[in-house]
């Protein structure tokens, strides 16, 4: 693994560990050190393949709005131990088991999730959730092969 890929994995690991251990508030506290001002999270809290899933949340306020929307529909959530894999010099894929409880029904859900983060200059510029590692891996490979200025 290259030095840049290793540094990028560590940036994503710090963000994801804050989210796992301290929830959305902790993740937001890491925003300035982890994310670029032009950060974008793609997809709604129900998943990008659901109605409204094509939403793009921009910047710190957008990320806060994303987490607030999750908090409105989910009473609690936990991630299992994540696995991090770099793709080239600017993409990191994270696999993690997610367990949550829907607020209104109290129905619990367990699902393996995958996330793709894009980085530039040691900061996260974008991210997206996927419902399968295979889908995330395909997206990560595609993003890693694109030119940075494309």
Foldseek 3Di string as FASTA:
>chain_A
DDPLQVLLLVLVVCLVVLCQPPNPVSSLVCQVVAADQFAKEAFAPVFLVDVVGRDIQGGSVSSVVRSVRNVVFWVDKHWDDKDWDAAANFKIKIWIWMWTATDPPRDIDIAIKMKMFGDDPRHTRYMYIDRDPVVNVVVNNVVNPDDPVD
